[in-house]
N, C-alpha and C. Protein backbone atom coordinates (compact mmCIF):
# COMPACT_ATOMS: atom_id res chain seq x y z
N UNK A 1 -18.48 0.99 -11.67
CA UNK A 1 -19.34 1.86 -10.87
C UNK A 1 -19.07 1.59 -9.40
N UNK A 2 -18.71 2.62 -8.66
CA UNK A 2 -18.41 2.41 -7.24
C UNK A 2 -19.64 1.94 -6.46
N UNK A 3 -19.38 1.07 -5.50
CA UNK A 3 -20.43 0.65 -4.57
C UNK A 3 -20.47 1.58 -3.37
N UNK A 4 -19.36 2.24 -3.08
CA UNK A 4 -19.31 3.32 -2.09
C UNK A 4 -18.77 4.52 -2.83
N UNK A 5 -19.57 5.55 -2.92
CA UNK A 5 -19.17 6.71 -3.71
C UNK A 5 -18.26 7.63 -2.90
N UNK A 6 -17.34 8.28 -3.57
CA UNK A 6 -16.51 9.28 -2.90
C UNK A 6 -17.40 10.39 -2.33
N UNK A 7 -16.93 11.03 -1.27
CA UNK A 7 -17.71 12.13 -0.69
C UNK A 7 -17.81 13.27 -1.69
N UNK A 8 -18.90 13.97 -1.60
CA UNK A 8 -19.10 15.19 -2.36
C UNK A 8 -18.57 16.31 -1.48
N UNK A 9 -17.55 17.00 -1.94
CA UNK A 9 -16.90 18.03 -1.12
C UNK A 9 -17.83 19.16 -0.71
N UNK A 10 -18.89 19.38 -1.46
CA UNK A 10 -19.82 20.44 -1.09
C UNK A 10 -20.82 19.98 -0.02
N UNK A 11 -20.82 18.68 0.28
CA UNK A 11 -21.78 18.15 1.25
C UNK A 11 -21.08 17.40 2.39
N UNK A 12 -19.89 17.83 2.74
CA UNK A 12 -19.18 17.19 3.85
C UNK A 12 -18.66 18.27 4.79
N UNK A 13 -18.21 17.83 5.94
CA UNK A 13 -17.79 18.80 6.97
C UNK A 13 -16.47 19.49 6.58
N UNK A 14 -16.26 20.66 7.18
CA UNK A 14 -15.11 21.51 6.85
C UNK A 14 -13.78 20.83 7.14
N UNK A 15 -13.70 20.06 8.22
CA UNK A 15 -12.44 19.41 8.56
C UNK A 15 -12.07 18.35 7.52
N UNK A 16 -13.05 17.59 7.05
CA UNK A 16 -12.78 16.59 6.02
C UNK A 16 -12.37 17.26 4.72
N UNK A 17 -13.04 18.35 4.37
CA UNK A 17 -12.66 19.11 3.17
C UNK A 17 -11.22 19.59 3.30
N UNK A 18 -10.86 20.13 4.46
CA UNK A 18 -9.49 20.62 4.67
C UNK A 18 -8.48 19.48 4.55
N UNK A 19 -8.82 18.32 5.09
CA UNK A 19 -7.93 17.16 5.00
C UNK A 19 -7.74 16.75 3.55
N UNK A 20 -8.84 16.67 2.81
CA UNK A 20 -8.75 16.28 1.40
C UNK A 20 -8.02 17.33 0.57
N UNK A 21 -8.20 18.60 0.90
CA UNK A 21 -7.45 19.66 0.21
C UNK A 21 -5.95 19.50 0.46
N UNK A 22 -5.58 19.14 1.68
CA UNK A 22 -4.16 18.93 2.01
C UNK A 22 -3.60 17.75 1.21
N UNK A 23 -4.38 16.69 1.08
CA UNK A 23 -3.96 15.54 0.28
C UNK A 23 -3.75 15.98 -1.17
N UNK A 24 -4.70 16.74 -1.69
CA UNK A 24 -4.60 17.20 -3.08
C UNK A 24 -3.36 18.07 -3.29
N UNK A 25 -3.08 18.96 -2.36
CA UNK A 25 -1.88 19.81 -2.47
C UNK A 25 -0.61 18.95 -2.44
N UNK A 26 -0.59 17.95 -1.57
CA UNK A 26 0.61 17.11 -1.43
C UNK A 26 0.83 16.23 -2.65
N UNK A 27 -0.24 15.65 -3.19
CA UNK A 27 -0.11 14.69 -4.30
C UNK A 27 -0.30 15.32 -5.68
N UNK A 28 -0.86 16.52 -5.72
CA UNK A 28 -1.13 17.14 -7.00
C UNK A 28 -2.47 16.69 -7.59
N UNK A 29 -3.17 15.83 -6.91
CA UNK A 29 -4.49 15.34 -7.31
C UNK A 29 -5.15 14.76 -6.06
N UNK A 30 -6.43 14.51 -6.15
CA UNK A 30 -7.15 13.87 -5.04
C UNK A 30 -7.59 12.49 -5.51
N UNK A 31 -6.80 11.46 -5.22
CA UNK A 31 -7.18 10.11 -5.64
C UNK A 31 -8.51 9.68 -5.03
N UNK A 32 -9.25 8.93 -5.81
CA UNK A 32 -10.56 8.47 -5.37
C UNK A 32 -10.52 7.68 -4.07
N UNK A 33 -9.43 6.99 -3.80
CA UNK A 33 -9.32 6.26 -2.53
C UNK A 33 -9.57 7.19 -1.35
N UNK A 34 -8.95 8.36 -1.37
CA UNK A 34 -9.05 9.27 -0.23
C UNK A 34 -10.46 9.82 -0.06
N UNK A 35 -11.09 10.19 -1.17
CA UNK A 35 -12.44 10.72 -1.05
C UNK A 35 -13.44 9.61 -0.75
N UNK A 36 -13.10 8.37 -1.04
CA UNK A 36 -13.93 7.25 -0.63
C UNK A 36 -13.76 6.99 0.87
N UNK A 37 -12.51 6.92 1.32
CA UNK A 37 -12.27 6.76 2.76
C UNK A 37 -12.91 7.89 3.57
N UNK A 38 -13.06 9.06 2.96
CA UNK A 38 -13.63 10.21 3.67
C UNK A 38 -15.10 10.01 4.02
N UNK A 39 -15.74 8.98 3.48
CA UNK A 39 -17.10 8.66 3.92
C UNK A 39 -17.09 8.36 5.42
N UNK A 40 -15.96 7.87 5.91
CA UNK A 40 -15.74 7.66 7.35
C UNK A 40 -14.50 8.47 7.71
N UNK A 41 -14.64 9.72 8.08
CA UNK A 41 -13.47 10.57 8.34
C UNK A 41 -12.45 9.94 9.28
N UNK A 42 -12.90 9.16 10.24
CA UNK A 42 -11.96 8.50 11.15
C UNK A 42 -11.10 7.48 10.39
N UNK A 43 -11.67 6.80 9.40
CA UNK A 43 -10.89 5.86 8.58
C UNK A 43 -9.86 6.61 7.75
N UNK A 44 -10.28 7.73 7.18
CA UNK A 44 -9.35 8.56 6.41
C UNK A 44 -8.21 9.04 7.29
N UNK A 45 -8.53 9.59 8.46
CA UNK A 45 -7.50 10.08 9.37
C UNK A 45 -6.58 8.95 9.84
N UNK A 46 -7.16 7.79 10.12
CA UNK A 46 -6.34 6.66 10.53
C UNK A 46 -5.36 6.24 9.45
N UNK A 47 -5.87 6.16 8.22
CA UNK A 47 -5.00 5.80 7.09
C UNK A 47 -3.89 6.83 6.92
N UNK A 48 -4.27 8.11 6.88
CA UNK A 48 -3.27 9.16 6.65
C UNK A 48 -2.23 9.19 7.76
N UNK A 49 -2.67 9.02 9.00
CA UNK A 49 -1.73 9.04 10.13
C UNK A 49 -0.74 7.90 10.06
N UNK A 50 -1.24 6.69 9.80
CA UNK A 50 -0.34 5.55 9.71
C UNK A 50 0.58 5.66 8.50
N UNK A 51 0.03 6.08 7.38
CA UNK A 51 0.84 6.22 6.17
C UNK A 51 1.96 7.24 6.37
N UNK A 52 1.62 8.38 6.93
CA UNK A 52 2.63 9.42 7.16
C UNK A 52 3.70 8.94 8.13
N UNK A 53 3.29 8.29 9.19
CA UNK A 53 4.23 7.79 10.19
C UNK A 53 5.16 6.75 9.58
N UNK A 54 4.60 5.81 8.83
CA UNK A 54 5.43 4.76 8.22
C UNK A 54 6.37 5.34 7.17
N UNK A 55 5.97 6.43 6.53
CA UNK A 55 6.84 7.08 5.56
C UNK A 55 8.11 7.65 6.18
N UNK A 56 8.09 7.83 7.49
CA UNK A 56 9.28 8.32 8.21
C UNK A 56 10.09 7.17 8.81
N UNK A 57 9.69 5.95 8.52
CA UNK A 57 10.38 4.79 9.07
C UNK A 57 11.67 4.48 8.34
N UNK A 58 12.20 3.33 8.62
CA UNK A 58 13.48 2.92 8.05
C UNK A 58 13.36 2.21 6.72
N UNK A 59 12.19 1.70 6.39
CA UNK A 59 12.02 1.09 5.07
C UNK A 59 12.10 2.19 4.02
N UNK A 60 12.80 1.91 2.93
CA UNK A 60 12.92 2.90 1.86
C UNK A 60 11.61 2.98 1.08
N UNK A 61 11.50 4.02 0.28
CA UNK A 61 10.32 4.16 -0.58
C UNK A 61 10.20 2.96 -1.51
N UNK A 62 11.31 2.50 -2.04
CA UNK A 62 11.30 1.30 -2.91
C UNK A 62 10.75 0.10 -2.15
N UNK A 63 11.24 -0.12 -0.94
CA UNK A 63 10.78 -1.27 -0.15
C UNK A 63 9.29 -1.16 0.17
N UNK A 64 8.84 0.04 0.50
CA UNK A 64 7.41 0.23 0.80
C UNK A 64 6.56 -0.05 -0.43
N UNK A 65 7.03 0.37 -1.59
CA UNK A 65 6.27 0.11 -2.83
C UNK A 65 6.30 -1.37 -3.20
N UNK A 66 7.41 -2.03 -2.96
CA UNK A 66 7.48 -3.47 -3.22
C UNK A 66 6.46 -4.20 -2.35
N UNK A 67 6.38 -3.82 -1.09
CA UNK A 67 5.40 -4.44 -0.19
C UNK A 67 3.99 -4.15 -0.68
N UNK A 68 3.72 -2.89 -1.02
CA UNK A 68 2.38 -2.51 -1.48
C UNK A 68 1.97 -3.30 -2.71
N UNK A 69 2.89 -3.48 -3.64
CA UNK A 69 2.58 -4.22 -4.86
C UNK A 69 2.35 -5.70 -4.58
N UNK A 70 3.16 -6.28 -3.71
CA UNK A 70 2.98 -7.70 -3.36
C UNK A 70 1.63 -7.93 -2.68
N UNK A 71 1.26 -7.03 -1.76
CA UNK A 71 0.00 -7.16 -1.05
C UNK A 71 -1.18 -6.95 -2.01
N UNK A 72 -1.09 -5.93 -2.85
CA UNK A 72 -2.17 -5.65 -3.80
C UNK A 72 -2.37 -6.81 -4.78
N UNK A 73 -1.27 -7.41 -5.21
CA UNK A 73 -1.38 -8.55 -6.12
C UNK A 73 -2.08 -9.72 -5.42
N UNK A 74 -1.71 -9.97 -4.18
CA UNK A 74 -2.33 -11.05 -3.41
C UNK A 74 -3.84 -10.86 -3.32
N UNK A 75 -4.27 -9.62 -3.14
CA UNK A 75 -5.70 -9.34 -2.99
C UNK A 75 -6.39 -9.00 -4.30
N UNK A 76 -5.65 -8.97 -5.39
CA UNK A 76 -6.26 -8.63 -6.68
C UNK A 76 -6.84 -7.23 -6.70
N UNK A 77 -6.20 -6.31 -6.00
CA UNK A 77 -6.69 -4.93 -5.93
C UNK A 77 -6.11 -4.13 -7.10
N UNK A 78 -6.89 -4.00 -8.15
CA UNK A 78 -6.40 -3.29 -9.33
C UNK A 78 -6.20 -1.81 -9.07
N UNK A 79 -6.99 -1.22 -8.18
CA UNK A 79 -6.78 0.19 -7.83
C UNK A 79 -5.37 0.35 -7.24
N UNK A 80 -5.03 -0.47 -6.25
CA UNK A 80 -3.73 -0.34 -5.60
C UNK A 80 -2.59 -0.76 -6.53
N UNK A 81 -2.82 -1.77 -7.36
CA UNK A 81 -1.79 -2.13 -8.34
C UNK A 81 -1.51 -0.96 -9.27
N UNK A 82 -2.56 -0.26 -9.68
CA UNK A 82 -2.40 0.89 -10.56
C UNK A 82 -1.67 2.03 -9.85
N UNK A 83 -2.13 2.37 -8.66
CA UNK A 83 -1.52 3.47 -7.91
C UNK A 83 -0.07 3.16 -7.57
N UNK A 84 0.20 1.96 -7.05
CA UNK A 84 1.55 1.65 -6.60
C UNK A 84 2.50 1.31 -7.75
N UNK A 85 1.98 0.96 -8.90
CA UNK A 85 2.86 0.83 -10.06
C UNK A 85 3.40 2.21 -10.44
N UNK A 86 2.52 3.20 -10.43
CA UNK A 86 2.97 4.56 -10.72
C UNK A 86 3.91 5.07 -9.63
N UNK A 87 3.55 4.85 -8.38
CA UNK A 87 4.40 5.30 -7.27
C UNK A 87 5.72 4.52 -7.25
N UNK A 88 5.65 3.25 -7.59
CA UNK A 88 6.87 2.44 -7.65
C UNK A 88 7.84 2.96 -8.70
N UNK A 89 7.31 3.36 -9.85
CA UNK A 89 8.17 3.98 -10.87
C UNK A 89 8.83 5.22 -10.29
N UNK A 90 8.06 6.01 -9.56
CA UNK A 90 8.60 7.21 -8.94
C UNK A 90 9.65 6.92 -7.90
N UNK A 91 9.58 5.72 -7.30
CA UNK A 91 10.58 5.31 -6.30
C UNK A 91 11.77 4.61 -6.95
N UNK A 92 11.77 4.55 -8.29
CA UNK A 92 12.91 3.99 -9.00
C UNK A 92 12.79 2.54 -9.44
N UNK A 93 11.61 1.95 -9.33
CA UNK A 93 11.44 0.57 -9.78
C UNK A 93 11.23 0.53 -11.29
N UNK A 94 11.96 -0.34 -11.96
CA UNK A 94 11.79 -0.53 -13.40
C UNK A 94 10.53 -1.36 -13.66
N UNK A 95 10.15 -1.47 -14.93
CA UNK A 95 8.98 -2.28 -15.29
C UNK A 95 9.18 -3.73 -14.84
N UNK A 96 10.38 -4.26 -15.01
CA UNK A 96 10.65 -5.64 -14.58
C UNK A 96 10.58 -5.76 -13.06
N UNK A 97 11.08 -4.74 -12.36
CA UNK A 97 11.03 -4.76 -10.89
C UNK A 97 9.60 -4.64 -10.37
N UNK A 98 8.77 -3.88 -11.08
CA UNK A 98 7.36 -3.79 -10.69
C UNK A 98 6.68 -5.15 -10.79
N UNK A 99 6.93 -5.86 -11.87
CA UNK A 99 6.35 -7.20 -12.03
C UNK A 99 6.89 -8.17 -10.99
N UNK A 100 8.17 -8.09 -10.73
CA UNK A 100 8.77 -8.97 -9.70
C UNK A 100 8.15 -8.68 -8.34
N UNK A 101 7.97 -7.41 -8.01
CA UNK A 101 7.39 -7.03 -6.72
C UNK A 101 5.98 -7.60 -6.59
N UNK A 102 5.22 -7.56 -7.65
CA UNK A 102 3.86 -8.12 -7.62
C UNK A 102 3.89 -9.61 -7.30
N UNK A 103 4.94 -10.28 -7.70
CA UNK A 103 5.10 -11.71 -7.41
C UNK A 103 5.79 -11.94 -6.07
N UNK A 104 6.06 -10.87 -5.33
CA UNK A 104 6.72 -11.00 -4.04
C UNK A 104 8.21 -11.27 -4.15
N UNK A 105 8.82 -10.76 -5.21
CA UNK A 105 10.23 -11.01 -5.48
C UNK A 105 10.96 -9.70 -5.78
N UNK A 106 12.28 -9.76 -5.71
CA UNK A 106 13.14 -8.63 -6.07
C UNK A 106 14.54 -9.17 -6.32
N UNK A 107 15.33 -8.46 -7.12
CA UNK A 107 16.70 -8.88 -7.41
C UNK A 107 17.63 -8.61 -6.24
N UNK A 108 17.46 -7.47 -5.60
CA UNK A 108 18.28 -7.11 -4.44
C UNK A 108 17.93 -8.05 -3.28
N UNK A 109 18.91 -8.67 -2.64
CA UNK A 109 18.61 -9.65 -1.58
C UNK A 109 17.77 -9.10 -0.42
N UNK A 110 18.05 -7.87 0.03
CA UNK A 110 17.26 -7.32 1.13
C UNK A 110 15.84 -7.00 0.68
N UNK A 111 15.70 -6.44 -0.52
CA UNK A 111 14.36 -6.17 -1.04
C UNK A 111 13.60 -7.47 -1.28
N UNK A 112 14.30 -8.50 -1.73
CA UNK A 112 13.66 -9.80 -1.96
C UNK A 112 13.15 -10.38 -0.64
N UNK A 113 13.95 -10.31 0.38
CA UNK A 113 13.52 -10.84 1.68
C UNK A 113 12.39 -10.01 2.27
N UNK A 114 12.43 -8.71 2.04
CA UNK A 114 11.35 -7.84 2.51
C UNK A 114 10.03 -8.24 1.83
N UNK A 115 10.07 -8.42 0.51
CA UNK A 115 8.87 -8.83 -0.24
C UNK A 115 8.40 -10.20 0.22
N UNK A 116 9.33 -11.11 0.40
CA UNK A 116 8.98 -12.46 0.82
C UNK A 116 8.35 -12.45 2.21
N UNK A 117 8.94 -11.69 3.12
CA UNK A 117 8.39 -11.60 4.47
C UNK A 117 6.97 -11.02 4.43
N UNK A 118 6.76 -9.99 3.63
CA UNK A 118 5.43 -9.39 3.52
C UNK A 118 4.41 -10.41 3.04
N UNK A 119 4.76 -11.18 2.02
CA UNK A 119 3.81 -12.16 1.50
C UNK A 119 3.60 -13.30 2.50
N UNK A 120 4.63 -13.66 3.24
CA UNK A 120 4.48 -14.70 4.27
C UNK A 120 3.58 -14.22 5.40
N UNK A 121 3.81 -13.00 5.87
CA UNK A 121 2.98 -12.44 6.94
C UNK A 121 1.53 -12.41 6.49
N UNK A 122 1.31 -12.00 5.27
CA UNK A 122 -0.05 -11.89 4.74
C UNK A 122 -0.69 -13.27 4.61
N UNK A 123 0.00 -14.18 3.96
CA UNK A 123 -0.56 -15.51 3.70
C UNK A 123 -0.79 -16.30 4.98
N UNK A 124 0.10 -16.10 5.94
CA UNK A 124 0.02 -16.91 7.17
C UNK A 124 -0.54 -16.12 8.35
N UNK A 125 -1.08 -14.94 8.04
CA UNK A 125 -1.69 -14.08 9.06
C UNK A 125 -0.76 -13.83 10.25
N UNK A 126 0.51 -13.63 9.92
CA UNK A 126 1.50 -13.31 10.93
C UNK A 126 2.13 -14.53 11.60
N UNK A 127 1.59 -15.69 11.37
CA UNK A 127 2.10 -16.90 12.03
C UNK A 127 3.20 -17.57 11.20
N UNK A 128 4.25 -16.79 10.93
CA UNK A 128 5.34 -17.35 10.12
C UNK A 128 6.19 -18.29 10.97
N UNK A 129 6.84 -19.19 10.28
CA UNK A 129 7.69 -20.18 10.95
C UNK A 129 8.97 -19.53 11.46
N UNK A 130 9.57 -20.16 12.47
CA UNK A 130 10.84 -19.68 13.01
C UNK A 130 11.89 -19.58 11.91
N UNK A 131 11.90 -20.54 11.00
CA UNK A 131 12.89 -20.53 9.92
C UNK A 131 12.71 -19.34 8.99
N UNK A 132 11.46 -18.93 8.78
CA UNK A 132 11.19 -17.77 7.92
C UNK A 132 11.62 -16.48 8.62
N UNK A 133 11.39 -16.40 9.91
CA UNK A 133 11.83 -15.24 10.68
C UNK A 133 13.35 -15.17 10.71
N UNK A 134 13.98 -16.31 10.89
CA UNK A 134 15.45 -16.36 10.89
C UNK A 134 16.00 -15.93 9.53
N UNK A 135 15.37 -16.37 8.45
CA UNK A 135 15.83 -15.98 7.11
C UNK A 135 15.72 -14.47 6.92
N UNK A 136 14.67 -13.86 7.45
CA UNK A 136 14.53 -12.41 7.36
C UNK A 136 15.66 -11.73 8.12
N UNK A 137 15.94 -12.23 9.30
CA UNK A 137 17.01 -11.64 10.11
C UNK A 137 18.38 -11.82 9.44
N UNK A 138 18.61 -12.99 8.89
CA UNK A 138 19.90 -13.24 8.22
C UNK A 138 20.08 -12.38 6.99
N UNK A 139 18.98 -11.94 6.38
CA UNK A 139 19.05 -11.07 5.21
C UNK A 139 19.27 -9.61 5.59
N UNK A 140 19.20 -9.30 6.89
CA UNK A 140 19.46 -7.94 7.33
C UNK A 140 18.27 -7.21 7.92
N UNK A 141 17.15 -7.90 8.07
CA UNK A 141 15.98 -7.27 8.69
C UNK A 141 16.04 -7.50 10.19
N UNK A 142 16.22 -6.41 10.93
CA UNK A 142 16.19 -6.54 12.39
C UNK A 142 14.74 -6.50 12.86
N UNK A 143 14.53 -6.63 14.15
CA UNK A 143 13.16 -6.70 14.66
C UNK A 143 12.36 -5.44 14.33
N UNK A 144 12.99 -4.28 14.36
CA UNK A 144 12.30 -3.05 14.02
C UNK A 144 11.82 -3.04 12.57
N UNK A 145 12.69 -3.45 11.65
CA UNK A 145 12.30 -3.51 10.24
C UNK A 145 11.23 -4.57 10.02
N UNK A 146 11.34 -5.69 10.72
CA UNK A 146 10.32 -6.73 10.59
C UNK A 146 8.95 -6.18 10.98
N UNK A 147 8.91 -5.41 12.06
CA UNK A 147 7.63 -4.84 12.49
C UNK A 147 7.16 -3.74 11.54
N UNK A 148 8.08 -3.02 10.91
CA UNK A 148 7.67 -2.05 9.89
C UNK A 148 7.05 -2.76 8.69
N UNK A 149 7.59 -3.92 8.32
CA UNK A 149 7.00 -4.70 7.24
C UNK A 149 5.56 -5.09 7.61
N UNK A 150 5.37 -5.56 8.84
CA UNK A 150 4.02 -5.93 9.29
C UNK A 150 3.08 -4.72 9.21
N UNK A 151 3.56 -3.56 9.65
CA UNK A 151 2.74 -2.36 9.62
C UNK A 151 2.40 -1.95 8.18
N UNK A 152 3.37 -2.08 7.28
CA UNK A 152 3.12 -1.76 5.87
C UNK A 152 2.08 -2.73 5.28
N UNK A 153 2.18 -3.99 5.64
CA UNK A 153 1.19 -4.96 5.17
C UNK A 153 -0.19 -4.53 5.66
N UNK A 154 -0.31 -4.19 6.94
CA UNK A 154 -1.60 -3.79 7.51
C UNK A 154 -2.16 -2.56 6.80
N UNK A 155 -1.31 -1.57 6.55
CA UNK A 155 -1.75 -0.37 5.86
C UNK A 155 -2.31 -0.71 4.49
N UNK A 156 -1.62 -1.58 3.78
CA UNK A 156 -2.05 -1.93 2.43
C UNK A 156 -3.26 -2.85 2.42
N UNK A 157 -3.42 -3.67 3.44
CA UNK A 157 -4.65 -4.47 3.55
C UNK A 157 -5.85 -3.52 3.67
N UNK A 158 -5.71 -2.46 4.45
CA UNK A 158 -6.79 -1.48 4.60
C UNK A 158 -7.20 -0.92 3.25
N UNK A 159 -6.24 -0.49 2.45
CA UNK A 159 -6.59 0.12 1.17
C UNK A 159 -7.10 -0.93 0.18
N UNK A 160 -6.49 -2.10 0.17
CA UNK A 160 -6.95 -3.16 -0.74
C UNK A 160 -8.39 -3.54 -0.44
N UNK A 161 -8.68 -3.77 0.82
CA UNK A 161 -10.03 -4.18 1.20
C UNK A 161 -11.03 -3.05 0.92
N UNK A 162 -10.64 -1.83 1.20
CA UNK A 162 -11.52 -0.69 0.91
C UNK A 162 -11.84 -0.63 -0.57
N UNK A 163 -10.82 -0.68 -1.40
CA UNK A 163 -11.03 -0.57 -2.85
C UNK A 163 -11.78 -1.77 -3.42
N UNK A 164 -11.46 -2.96 -2.94
CA UNK A 164 -12.18 -4.13 -3.44
C UNK A 164 -13.64 -4.10 -3.03
N UNK A 165 -13.92 -3.66 -1.83
CA UNK A 165 -15.31 -3.57 -1.36
C UNK A 165 -16.05 -2.43 -2.06
N UNK A 166 -15.41 -1.27 -2.16
CA UNK A 166 -16.07 -0.08 -2.68
C UNK A 166 -16.14 -0.05 -4.20
N UNK A 167 -15.31 -0.85 -4.87
CA UNK A 167 -15.16 -0.77 -6.33
C UNK A 167 -14.75 0.65 -6.74
N UNK A 168 -13.75 1.15 -6.04
CA UNK A 168 -13.25 2.51 -6.27
C UNK A 168 -12.83 2.67 -7.73
N UNK A 169 -13.30 3.73 -8.36
CA UNK A 169 -12.89 4.02 -9.74
C UNK A 169 -11.39 4.30 -9.76
N UNK A 170 -10.70 3.65 -10.68
CA UNK A 170 -9.25 3.79 -10.81
C UNK A 170 -8.94 5.10 -11.52
N UNK A 171 -8.16 5.93 -10.86
CA UNK A 171 -7.79 7.24 -11.43
C UNK A 171 -6.29 7.34 -11.64
N UNK A 172 -5.67 6.22 -11.93
CA UNK A 172 -4.25 6.12 -12.29
C UNK A 172 -4.19 5.30 -13.58
N UNK A 173 -3.05 5.29 -14.27
CA UNK A 173 -2.97 4.39 -15.42
C UNK A 173 -3.29 2.96 -14.97
N UNK A 174 -4.31 2.35 -15.54
CA UNK A 174 -4.80 1.07 -15.03
C UNK A 174 -3.81 -0.08 -15.22
N UNK A 175 -3.78 -0.94 -14.21
CA UNK A 175 -2.96 -2.16 -14.23
C UNK A 175 -3.90 -3.32 -13.95
N UNK A 176 -3.84 -4.33 -14.80
CA UNK A 176 -4.67 -5.52 -14.63
C UNK A 176 -4.03 -6.45 -13.60
N UNK A 177 -4.85 -7.07 -12.77
CA UNK A 177 -4.33 -7.95 -11.73
C UNK A 177 -3.73 -9.23 -12.29
N UNK A 178 -4.10 -9.61 -13.49
CA UNK A 178 -3.53 -10.83 -14.09
C UNK A 178 -2.05 -10.60 -14.39
N UNK A 179 -1.23 -11.52 -13.94
CA UNK A 179 0.21 -11.41 -14.24
C UNK A 179 0.52 -12.04 -15.59
């Protein structure tokens, strides 16, 4: 049972309804996360703006999903684990790769370093050691990609914290946080 209920589209402002309709057209459904965030339209707009902008960045869809899964696993966000497992499949991640991503790992060296950097940034609140930053650079992450990883972590912290606080009803094939 949600602790913060999704907005009722018949009782919200026209701009929020239009935004949620656009999300539904783009995704083919209106995930509960979006209608929950719509309780604070500025939070919804902030999320959508950052998500859209980061989607045009240099990190691939696979890399973004690996980061999302690693962050969601760290926070035990079953909503995000469920959503990003489905999205990760769509980005080409196999079942084994989905599990590895949740553990902050990947077979591909660049994807592995991306996942590792994301989990380090998260665990250490950005205060990673020089050696960890050097390892990211040696694996092929330049400063721009490093900052995109940080931004992806921040985006996913927003959704994880929202869902964990709100107890958002999962509207994707459910994934248990236990590995």
